[in-house]
PDB file of all heavy atoms in Angstrom:
ATOM      1  N   ARG A   1       0.834  -1.215   0.000  1.00  0.00           N
ATOM      2  CA  ARG A   1       0.000   0.000   0.000  1.00  0.00           C
ATOM      3  C   ARG A   1       0.861   1.254   0.000  1.00  0.00           C
ATOM      4  O   ARG A   1       0.546   2.249  -0.664  1.00  0.00           O
ATOM      5  CB  ARG A   1      -0.919  -0.004   1.228  1.00  0.00           C
ATOM      6  CG  ARG A   1      -2.015  -1.049   1.177  1.00  0.00           C
ATOM      7  CD  ARG A   1      -3.112  -0.748   2.177  1.00  0.00           C
ATOM      8  NE  ARG A   1      -2.578  -0.651   3.525  1.00  0.00           N
ATOM      9  CZ  ARG A   1      -2.541  -1.661   4.382  1.00  0.00           C
ATOM     10  NH1 ARG A   1      -2.981  -2.850   4.018  1.00  0.00           N
ATOM     11  NH2 ARG A   1      -2.060  -1.502   5.597  1.00  0.00           N
ATOM     12  N   HIS A   2       1.968   1.223   0.756  1.00  0.00           N
ATOM     13  CA  HIS A   2       2.870   2.367   0.791  1.00  0.00           C
ATOM     14  C   HIS A   2       3.496   2.611  -0.580  1.00  0.00           C
ATOM     15  O   HIS A   2       3.616   3.757  -1.027  1.00  0.00           O
ATOM     16  CB  HIS A   2       3.958   2.128   1.834  1.00  0.00           C
ATOM     17  CG  HIS A   2       4.880   3.295   2.033  1.00  0.00           C
ATOM     18  ND1 HIS A   2       4.446   4.585   2.266  1.00  0.00           N
ATOM     19  CD2 HIS A   2       6.239   3.373   2.019  1.00  0.00           C
ATOM     20  CE1 HIS A   2       5.473   5.405   2.392  1.00  0.00           C
ATOM     21  NE2 HIS A   2       6.587   4.677   2.229  1.00  0.00           N
ATOM     22  N   LEU A   3       3.878   1.533  -1.272  1.00  0.00           N
ATOM     23  CA  LEU A   3       4.437   1.684  -2.616  1.00  0.00           C
ATOM     24  C   LEU A   3       3.390   2.194  -3.598  1.00  0.00           C
ATOM     25  O   LEU A   3       3.711   2.979  -4.509  1.00  0.00           O
ATOM     26  CB  LEU A   3       4.999   0.339  -3.083  1.00  0.00           C
ATOM     27  CG  LEU A   3       5.698   0.336  -4.453  1.00  0.00           C
ATOM     28  CD1 LEU A   3       6.928   1.242  -4.415  1.00  0.00           C
ATOM     29  CD2 LEU A   3       6.091  -1.075  -4.861  1.00  0.00           C
ATOM     30  N   ASP A   4       2.146   1.789  -3.429  1.00  0.00           N
ATOM     31  CA  ASP A   4       1.082   2.292  -4.300  1.00  0.00           C
ATOM     32  C   ASP A   4       0.860   3.785  -4.095  1.00  0.00           C
ATOM     33  O   ASP A   4       0.633   4.534  -5.067  1.00  0.00           O
ATOM     34  CB  ASP A   4      -0.208   1.517  -4.030  1.00  0.00           C
ATOM     35  CG  ASP A   4      -1.349   1.968  -4.916  1.00  0.00           C
ATOM     36  OD1 ASP A   4      -1.301   1.704  -6.126  1.00  0.00           O
ATOM     37  OD2 ASP A   4      -2.286   2.618  -4.404  1.00  0.00           O
ATOM     38  N   HIS A   5       0.936   4.245  -2.846  1.00  0.00           N
ATOM     39  CA  HIS A   5       0.806   5.686  -2.589  1.00  0.00           C
ATOM     40  C   HIS A   5       1.971   6.459  -3.206  1.00  0.00           C
ATOM     41  O   HIS A   5       1.777   7.561  -3.765  1.00  0.00           O
ATOM     42  CB  HIS A   5       0.730   5.941  -1.078  1.00  0.00           C
ATOM     43  CG  HIS A   5      -0.485   5.366  -0.445  1.00  0.00           C
ATOM     44  ND1 HIS A   5      -0.602   5.158   0.918  1.00  0.00           N
ATOM     45  CD2 HIS A   5      -1.659   4.928  -0.979  1.00  0.00           C
ATOM     46  CE1 HIS A   5      -1.780   4.636   1.196  1.00  0.00           C
ATOM     47  NE2 HIS A   5      -2.443   4.487   0.060  1.00  0.00           N
ATOM     48  N   GLN A   6       3.173   5.908  -3.103  1.00  0.00           N
ATOM     49  CA  GLN A   6       4.323   6.559  -3.740  1.00  0.00           C
ATOM     50  C   GLN A   6       4.189   6.566  -5.259  1.00  0.00           C
ATOM     51  O   GLN A   6       4.603   7.524  -5.924  1.00  0.00           O
ATOM     52  CB  GLN A   6       5.610   5.841  -3.325  1.00  0.00           C
ATOM     53  CG  GLN A   6       5.960   6.002  -1.861  1.00  0.00           C
ATOM     54  CD  GLN A   6       7.157   5.165  -1.463  1.00  0.00           C
ATOM     55  OE1 GLN A   6       7.506   4.192  -2.132  1.00  0.00           O
ATOM     56  NE2 GLN A   6       7.794   5.525  -0.348  1.00  0.00           N
ATOM     57  N   HIS A   7       3.597   5.533  -5.806  1.00  0.00           N
ATOM     58  CA  HIS A   7       3.363   5.486  -7.257  1.00  0.00           C
ATOM     59  C   HIS A   7       2.388   6.573  -7.688  1.00  0.00           C
ATOM     60  O   HIS A   7       2.589   7.253  -8.702  1.00  0.00           O
ATOM     61  CB  HIS A   7       2.836   4.106  -7.642  1.00  0.00           C
ATOM     62  CG  HIS A   7       2.735   3.891  -9.114  1.00  0.00           C
ATOM     63  ND1 HIS A   7       2.239   2.726  -9.663  1.00  0.00           N
ATOM     64  CD2 HIS A   7       3.055   4.685 -10.178  1.00  0.00           C
ATOM     65  CE1 HIS A   7       2.270   2.813 -10.976  1.00  0.00           C
ATOM     66  NE2 HIS A   7       2.748   3.989 -11.310  1.00  0.00           N
ATOM     67  N   ARG A   8       1.341   6.767  -6.918  1.00  0.00           N
ATOM     68  CA  ARG A   8       0.350   7.786  -7.265  1.00  0.00           C
ATOM     69  C   ARG A   8       0.913   9.199  -7.127  1.00  0.00           C
ATOM     70  O   ARG A   8       0.559  10.098  -7.903  1.00  0.00           O
ATOM     71  CB  ARG A   8      -0.892   7.622  -6.392  1.00  0.00           C
ATOM     72  CG  ARG A   8      -1.632   6.313  -6.648  1.00  0.00           C
ATOM     73  CD  ARG A   8      -2.818   6.136  -5.725  1.00  0.00           C
ATOM     74  NE  ARG A   8      -3.459   4.846  -5.930  1.00  0.00           N
ATOM     75  CZ  ARG A   8      -4.395   4.602  -6.841  1.00  0.00           C
ATOM     76  NH1 ARG A   8      -4.818   5.596  -7.628  1.00  0.00           N
ATOM     77  NH2 ARG A   8      -4.914   3.404  -6.962  1.00  0.00           N
ATOM     78  N   ARG A   9       1.784   9.389  -6.148  1.00  0.00           N
ATOM     79  CA  ARG A   9       2.384  10.725  -5.994  1.00  0.00           C
ATOM     80  C   ARG A   9       3.468  10.977  -7.042  1.00  0.00           C
ATOM     81  O   ARG A   9       3.607  12.110  -7.527  1.00  0.00           O
ATOM     82  CB  ARG A   9       2.977  10.870  -4.593  1.00  0.00           C
ATOM     83  CG  ARG A   9       1.941  10.935  -3.492  1.00  0.00           C
ATOM     84  CD  ARG A   9       2.577  11.417  -2.189  1.00  0.00           C
ATOM     85  NE  ARG A   9       3.682  10.568  -1.786  1.00  0.00           N
ATOM     86  CZ  ARG A   9       3.561   9.549  -0.937  1.00  0.00           C
ATOM     87  NH1 ARG A   9       2.369   9.239  -0.435  1.00  0.00           N
ATOM     88  NH2 ARG A   9       4.603   8.827  -0.604  1.00  0.00           N
ATOM     89  N   GLY A  10       4.228   9.951  -7.393  1.00  0.00           N
ATOM     90  CA  GLY A  10       5.340  10.144  -8.313  1.00  0.00           C
ATOM     91  C   GLY A  10       4.951  10.146  -9.771  1.00  0.00           C
ATOM     92  O   GLY A  10       5.669  10.722 -10.604  1.00  0.00           O
ATOM     93  N   SER A  11       3.848   9.493 -10.134  1.00  0.00           N
ATOM     94  CA  SER A  11       3.428   9.421 -11.536  1.00  0.00           C
ATOM     95  C   SER A  11       1.915   9.377 -11.583  1.00  0.00           C
ATOM     96  O   SER A  11       1.297   8.310 -11.693  1.00  0.00           O
ATOM     97  CB  SER A  11       4.036   8.179 -12.205  1.00  0.00           C
ATOM     98  OG  SER A  11       3.642   8.093 -13.545  1.00  0.00           O
ATOM     99  N   SER A  12       1.297  10.555 -11.530  1.00  0.00           N
ATOM    100  CA  SER A  12      -0.163  10.641 -11.553  1.00  0.00           C
ATOM    101  C   SER A  12      -0.741  10.347 -12.930  1.00  0.00           C
ATOM    102  O   SER A  12      -1.927  10.001 -13.038  1.00  0.00           O
ATOM    103  CB  SER A  12      -0.608  12.033 -11.099  1.00  0.00           C
ATOM    104  OG  SER A  12      -0.035  13.039 -11.937  1.00  0.00           O
ATOM    105  N   GLN A  13       0.065  10.464 -14.019  1.00  0.00           N
ATOM    106  CA  GLN A  13      -0.453  10.207 -15.357  1.00  0.00           C
ATOM    107  C   GLN A  13      -0.683   8.726 -15.628  1.00  0.00           C
ATOM    108  O   GLN A  13      -1.239   8.359 -16.676  1.00  0.00           O
ATOM    109  CB  GLN A  13       0.500  10.764 -16.423  1.00  0.00           C
ATOM    110  CG  GLN A  13       1.878  10.138 -16.445  1.00  0.00           C
ATOM    111  CD  GLN A  13       2.851  10.879 -15.543  1.00  0.00           C
ATOM    112  OE1 GLN A  13       2.431  11.545 -14.600  1.00  0.00           O
ATOM    113  NE2 GLN A  13       4.146  10.756 -15.836  1.00  0.00           N
ATOM    114  N   CYS A  14      -0.248   7.856 -14.700  1.00  0.00           N
ATOM    115  CA  CYS A  14      -0.490   6.424 -14.865  1.00  0.00           C
ATOM    116  C   CYS A  14      -1.899   6.010 -14.451  1.00  0.00           C
ATOM    117  O   CYS A  14      -2.267   4.847 -14.644  1.00  0.00           O
ATOM    118  CB  CYS A  14       0.527   5.616 -14.058  1.00  0.00           C
ATOM    119  SG  CYS A  14       2.231   5.771 -14.641  1.00  0.00           S
ATOM    120  N   PHE A  15      -2.688   6.919 -13.876  1.00  0.00           N
ATOM    121  CA  PHE A  15      -4.009   6.592 -13.351  1.00  0.00           C
ATOM    122  C   PHE A  15      -5.059   7.456 -14.032  1.00  0.00           C
ATOM    123  O   PHE A  15      -4.798   8.614 -14.413  1.00  0.00           O
ATOM    124  CB  PHE A  15      -4.055   6.803 -11.830  1.00  0.00           C
ATOM    125  CG  PHE A  15      -3.042   5.976 -11.079  1.00  0.00           C
ATOM    126  CD1 PHE A  15      -1.766   6.462 -10.850  1.00  0.00           C
ATOM    127  CD2 PHE A  15      -3.366   4.719 -10.616  1.00  0.00           C
ATOM    128  CE1 PHE A  15      -0.833   5.708 -10.166  1.00  0.00           C
ATOM    129  CE2 PHE A  15      -2.434   3.957  -9.927  1.00  0.00           C
ATOM    130  CZ  PHE A  15      -1.172   4.449  -9.707  1.00  0.00           C
ATOM    131  N   ASP A  16      -6.262   6.903 -14.179  1.00  0.00           N
ATOM    132  CA  ASP A  16      -7.365   7.639 -14.786  1.00  0.00           C
ATOM    133  C   ASP A  16      -8.101   8.446 -13.734  1.00  0.00           C
ATOM    134  O   ASP A  16      -7.674   8.545 -12.568  1.00  0.00           O
ATOM    135  CB  ASP A  16      -8.300   6.674 -15.508  1.00  0.00           C
ATOM    136  CG  ASP A  16      -8.831   5.587 -14.584  1.00  0.00           C
ATOM    137  OD1 ASP A  16      -8.591   5.676 -13.361  1.00  0.00           O
ATOM    138  OD2 ASP A  16      -9.469   4.631 -15.069  1.00  0.00           O
ATOM    139  N   GLU A  17      -9.232   9.036 -14.130  1.00  0.00           N
ATOM    140  CA  GLU A  17      -9.974   9.908 -13.219  1.00  0.00           C
ATOM    141  C   GLU A  17     -10.616   9.134 -12.084  1.00  0.00           C
ATOM    142  O   GLU A  17     -10.926   9.701 -11.030  1.00  0.00           O
ATOM    143  CB  GLU A  17     -11.055  10.668 -13.992  1.00  0.00           C
ATOM    144  CG  GLU A  17     -12.095   9.799 -14.671  1.00  0.00           C
ATOM    145  CD  GLU A  17     -11.621   9.295 -16.027  1.00  0.00           C
ATOM    146  OE1 GLU A  17     -10.474   9.609 -16.394  1.00  0.00           O
ATOM    147  OE2 GLU A  17     -12.392   8.583 -16.692  1.00  0.00           O
ATOM    148  N   LYS A  18     -10.797   7.825 -12.231  1.00  0.00           N
ATOM    149  CA  LYS A  18     -11.369   7.009 -11.161  1.00  0.00           C
ATOM    150  C   LYS A  18     -10.310   6.379 -10.260  1.00  0.00           C
ATOM    151  O   LYS A  18     -10.652   5.594  -9.382  1.00  0.00           O
ATOM    152  CB  LYS A  18     -12.239   5.910 -11.769  1.00  0.00           C
ATOM    153  CG  LYS A  18     -13.474   6.444 -12.473  1.00  0.00           C
ATOM    154  CD  LYS A  18     -14.352   5.295 -12.961  1.00  0.00           C
ATOM    155  CE  LYS A  18     -15.602   5.808 -13.638  1.00  0.00           C
ATOM    156  NZ  LYS A  18     -16.458   4.688 -14.112  1.00  0.00           N
ATOM    157  N   GLY A  19      -9.044   6.691 -10.482  1.00  0.00           N
ATOM    158  CA  GLY A  19      -7.980   6.157  -9.654  1.00  0.00           C
ATOM    159  C   GLY A  19      -7.486   4.796 -10.065  1.00  0.00           C
ATOM    160  O   GLY A  19      -6.713   4.174  -9.322  1.00  0.00           O
ATOM    161  N   ARG A  20      -7.868   4.301 -11.232  1.00  0.00           N
ATOM    162  CA  ARG A  20      -7.423   3.001 -11.707  1.00  0.00           C
ATOM    163  C   ARG A  20      -6.202   3.160 -12.599  1.00  0.00           C
ATOM    164  O   ARG A  20      -6.096   4.130 -13.356  1.00  0.00           O
ATOM    165  CB  ARG A  20      -8.548   2.310 -12.493  1.00  0.00           C
ATOM    166  CG  ARG A  20      -9.791   2.044 -11.666  1.00  0.00           C
ATOM    167  CD  ARG A  20     -10.927   1.555 -12.538  1.00  0.00           C
ATOM    168  NE  ARG A  20     -11.287   2.548 -13.553  1.00  0.00           N
ATOM    169  CZ  ARG A  20     -12.322   2.423 -14.388  1.00  0.00           C
ATOM    170  NH1 ARG A  20     -13.079   1.323 -14.322  1.00  0.00           N
ATOM    171  NH2 ARG A  20     -12.578   3.356 -15.281  1.00  0.00           N
ATOM    172  N   HIS A  21      -5.304   2.183 -12.505  1.00  0.00           N
ATOM    173  CA  HIS A  21      -4.093   2.233 -13.338  1.00  0.00           C
ATOM    174  C   HIS A  21      -4.454   1.945 -14.789  1.00  0.00           C
ATOM    175  O   HIS A  21      -5.151   0.976 -15.085  1.00  0.00           O
ATOM    176  CB  HIS A  21      -3.072   1.213 -12.836  1.00  0.00           C
ATOM    177  CG  HIS A  21      -1.684   1.445 -13.345  1.00  0.00           C
ATOM    178  ND1 HIS A  21      -1.289   1.115 -14.626  1.00  0.00           N
ATOM    179  CD2 HIS A  21      -0.587   1.990 -12.760  1.00  0.00           C
ATOM    180  CE1 HIS A  21      -0.024   1.432 -14.811  1.00  0.00           C
ATOM    181  NE2 HIS A  21       0.431   1.959 -13.678  1.00  0.00           N
ATOM    182  N   ILE A  22      -3.967   2.768 -15.687  1.00  0.00           N
ATOM    183  CA  ILE A  22      -4.276   2.601 -17.097  1.00  0.00           C
ATOM    184  C   ILE A  22      -3.525   1.403 -17.650  1.00  0.00           C
ATOM    185  O   ILE A  22      -2.456   1.018 -17.159  1.00  0.00           O
ATOM    186  CB  ILE A  22      -3.920   3.874 -17.890  1.00  0.00           C
ATOM    187  CG1 ILE A  22      -2.426   4.188 -17.741  1.00  0.00           C
ATOM    188  CG2 ILE A  22      -4.769   5.050 -17.438  1.00  0.00           C
ATOM    189  CD1 ILE A  22      -1.971   5.377 -18.560  1.00  0.00           C
ATOM    190  N   GLN A  23      -4.104   0.798 -18.681  1.00  0.00           N
ATOM    191  CA  GLN A  23      -3.476  -0.360 -19.295  1.00  0.00           C
ATOM    192  C   GLN A  23      -2.379   0.075 -20.259  1.00  0.00           C
ATOM    193  O   GLN A  23      -2.431   1.154 -20.831  1.00  0.00           O
ATOM    194  CB  GLN A  23      -4.524  -1.192 -20.037  1.00  0.00           C
ATOM    195  CG  GLN A  23      -5.580  -1.803 -19.130  1.00  0.00           C
ATOM    196  CD  GLN A  23      -6.572  -2.657 -19.894  1.00  0.00           C
ATOM    197  OE1 GLN A  23      -6.488  -2.762 -21.114  1.00  0.00           O
ATOM    198  NE2 GLN A  23      -7.505  -3.261 -19.175  1.00  0.00           N
ATOM    199  N   GLY A  24      -1.400  -0.799 -20.399  1.00  0.00           N
ATOM    200  CA  GLY A  24      -0.318  -0.516 -21.328  1.00  0.00           C
ATOM    201  C   GLY A  24       0.933  -0.017 -20.633  1.00  0.00           C
ATOM    202  O   GLY A  24       1.320  -0.517 -19.573  1.00  0.00           O
ATOM    203  N   TYR A  25       1.541   1.001 -21.182  1.00  0.00           N
ATOM    204  CA  TYR A  25       2.841   1.483 -20.722  1.00  0.00           C
ATOM    205  C   TYR A  25       2.710   2.213 -19.388  1.00  0.00           C
ATOM    206  O   TYR A  25       1.779   3.004 -19.189  1.00  0.00           O
ATOM    207  CB  TYR A  25       3.438   2.417 -21.774  1.00  0.00           C
ATOM    208  CG  TYR A  25       4.825   2.931 -21.430  1.00  0.00           C
ATOM    209  CD1 TYR A  25       5.936   2.118 -21.595  1.00  0.00           C
ATOM    210  CD2 TYR A  25       5.005   4.213 -20.936  1.00  0.00           C
ATOM    211  CE1 TYR A  25       7.198   2.581 -21.287  1.00  0.00           C
ATOM    212  CE2 TYR A  25       6.262   4.691 -20.626  1.00  0.00           C
ATOM    213  CZ  TYR A  25       7.360   3.860 -20.803  1.00  0.00           C
ATOM    214  OH  TYR A  25       8.611   4.325 -20.496  1.00  0.00           O
ATOM    215  N   CYS A  26       3.645   1.945 -18.475  1.00  0.00           N
ATOM    216  CA  CYS A  26       3.697   2.635 -17.180  1.00  0.00           C
ATOM    217  C   CYS A  26       4.779   3.701 -17.247  1.00  0.00           C
ATOM    218  O   CYS A  26       5.923   3.432 -17.615  1.00  0.00           O
ATOM    219  CB  CYS A  26       3.984   1.641 -16.054  1.00  0.00           C
ATOM    220  SG  CYS A  26       4.009   2.382 -14.409  1.00  0.00           S
ATOM    221  N   HIS A  27       4.405   4.933 -16.894  1.00  0.00           N
ATOM    222  CA  HIS A  27       5.324   6.073 -16.994  1.00  0.00           C
ATOM    223  C   HIS A  27       6.194   6.247 -15.750  1.00  0.00           C
ATOM    224  O   HIS A  27       7.034   7.152 -15.736  1.00  0.00           O
ATOM    225  CB  HIS A  27       4.524   7.367 -17.238  1.00  0.00           C
ATOM    226  CG  HIS A  27       3.674   7.320 -18.468  1.00  0.00           C
ATOM    227  ND1 HIS A  27       4.165   7.587 -19.727  1.00  0.00           N
ATOM    228  CD2 HIS A  27       2.353   7.010 -18.637  1.00  0.00           C
ATOM    229  CE1 HIS A  27       3.201   7.475 -20.627  1.00  0.00           C
ATOM    230  NE2 HIS A  27       2.080   7.129 -19.983  1.00  0.00           N
ATOM    231  N   TRP A  28       6.003   5.407 -14.732  1.00  0.00           N
ATOM    232  CA  TRP A  28       6.740   5.588 -13.465  1.00  0.00           C
ATOM    233  C   TRP A  28       8.072   4.851 -13.568  1.00  0.00           C
ATOM    234  O   TRP A  28       8.224   3.730 -13.074  1.00  0.00           O
ATOM    235  CB  TRP A  28       5.912   5.071 -12.299  1.00  0.00           C
ATOM    236  CG  TRP A  28       6.428   5.546 -10.970  1.00  0.00           C
ATOM    237  CD1 TRP A  28       6.950   6.756 -10.664  1.00  0.00           C
ATOM    238  CD2 TRP A  28       6.449   4.791  -9.753  1.00  0.00           C
ATOM    239  NE1 TRP A  28       7.305   6.826  -9.343  1.00  0.00           N
ATOM    240  CE2 TRP A  28       7.013   5.623  -8.753  1.00  0.00           C
ATOM    241  CE3 TRP A  28       6.059   3.515  -9.405  1.00  0.00           C
ATOM    242  CZ2 TRP A  28       7.169   5.209  -7.443  1.00  0.00           C
ATOM    243  CZ3 TRP A  28       6.218   3.101  -8.093  1.00  0.00           C
ATOM    244  CH2 TRP A  28       6.772   3.949  -7.133  1.00  0.00           C
ATOM    245  N   LYS A  29       9.032   5.468 -14.223  1.00  0.00           N
ATOM    246  CA  LYS A  29      10.349   4.893 -14.398  1.00  0.00           C
ATOM    247  C   LYS A  29      11.389   5.543 -13.494  1.00  0.00           C
ATOM    248  O   LYS A  29      12.222   4.870 -12.913  1.00  0.00           O
ATOM    249  CB  LYS A  29      10.786   5.010 -15.862  1.00  0.00           C
ATOM    250  CG  LYS A  29       9.879   4.251 -16.827  1.00  0.00           C
ATOM    251  CD  LYS A  29       9.857   2.756 -16.523  1.00  0.00           C
ATOM    252  CE  LYS A  29       8.977   2.008 -17.503  1.00  0.00           C
ATOM    253  NZ  LYS A  29       8.897   0.567 -17.188  1.00  0.00           N
ATOM    254  N   ASN A  30      11.355   6.853 -13.389  1.00  0.00           N
ATOM    255  CA  ASN A  30      12.313   7.577 -12.540  1.00  0.00           C
ATOM    256  C   ASN A  30      11.773   7.600 -11.106  1.00  0.00           C
ATOM    257  O   ASN A  30      11.117   8.554 -10.690  1.00  0.00           O
ATOM    258  CB  ASN A  30      12.535   8.992 -13.072  1.00  0.00           C
ATOM    259  CG  ASN A  30      13.144   8.989 -14.452  1.00  0.00           C
ATOM    260  OD1 ASN A  30      13.945   8.118 -14.787  1.00  0.00           O
ATOM    261  ND2 ASN A  30      12.762   9.957 -15.281  1.00  0.00           N
ATOM    262  N   ARG A  31      12.047   6.543 -10.376  1.00  0.00           N
ATOM    263  CA  ARG A  31      11.513   6.420  -9.029  1.00  0.00           C
ATOM    264  C   ARG A  31      12.442   7.101  -8.032  1.00  0.00           C
ATOM    265  O   ARG A  31      13.660   7.176  -8.236  1.00  0.00           O
ATOM    266  CB  ARG A  31      11.335   4.950  -8.654  1.00  0.00           C
ATOM    267  CG  ARG A  31      10.446   4.206  -9.641  1.00  0.00           C
ATOM    268  CD  ARG A  31      10.117   2.827  -9.178  1.00  0.00           C
ATOM    269  NE  ARG A  31       9.257   2.136 -10.141  1.00  0.00           N
ATOM    270  CZ  ARG A  31       8.737   0.933  -9.965  1.00  0.00           C
ATOM    271  NH1 ARG A  31       9.021   0.262  -8.857  1.00  0.00           N
ATOM    272  NH2 ARG A  31       7.970   0.394 -10.879  1.00  0.00           N
ATOM    273  N   SER A  32      11.849   7.557  -6.955  1.00  0.00           N
ATOM    274  CA  SER A  32      12.611   8.238  -5.920  1.00  0.00           C
ATOM    275  C   SER A  32      13.410   7.238  -5.106  1.00  0.00           C
ATOM    276  O   SER A  32      13.242   6.010  -5.217  1.00  0.00           O
ATOM    277  CB  SER A  32      11.665   9.031  -5.014  1.00  0.00           C
ATOM    278  OG  SER A  32      10.757   8.159  -4.357  1.00  0.00           O
ATOM    279  N   LYS A  33      14.276   7.768  -4.254  1.00  0.00           N
ATOM    280  CA  LYS A  33      15.092   6.913  -3.405  1.00  0.00           C
ATOM    281  C   LYS A  33      14.248   6.161  -2.400  1.00  0.00           C
ATOM    282  O   LYS A  33      14.481   4.968  -2.122  1.00  0.00           O
ATOM    283  CB  LYS A  33      16.141   7.765  -2.690  1.00  0.00           C
ATOM    284  CG  LYS A  33      17.095   6.961  -1.830  1.00  0.00           C
ATOM    285  CD  LYS A  33      18.129   7.849  -1.176  1.00  0.00           C
ATOM    286  CE  LYS A  33      19.067   7.045  -0.279  1.00  0.00           C
ATOM    287  NZ  LYS A  33      20.072   7.930   0.369  1.00  0.00           N
ATOM    288  N   LEU A  34      13.214   6.819  -1.857  1.00  0.00           N
ATOM    289  CA  LEU A  34      12.342   6.153  -0.893  1.00  0.00           C
ATOM    290  C   LEU A  34      11.523   5.045  -1.559  1.00  0.00           C
ATOM    291  O   LEU A  34      11.284   3.990  -0.956  1.00  0.00           O
ATOM    292  CB  LEU A  34      11.414   7.184  -0.249  1.00  0.00           C
ATOM    293  CG  LEU A  34      12.084   8.249   0.611  1.00  0.00           C
ATOM    294  CD1 LEU A  34      11.055   9.230   1.147  1.00  0.00           C
ATOM    295  CD2 LEU A  34      12.848   7.613   1.767  1.00  0.00           C
TER     296      LEU A  34
END
């Protein structure tokens, strides 16, 4: 759950307006140290 929250904060374009992860390419490549 903590990693999912970091994913949503670090790459919001990966999710649609309902909070679901979009299918296909994931834009969260440059991840933070945490």
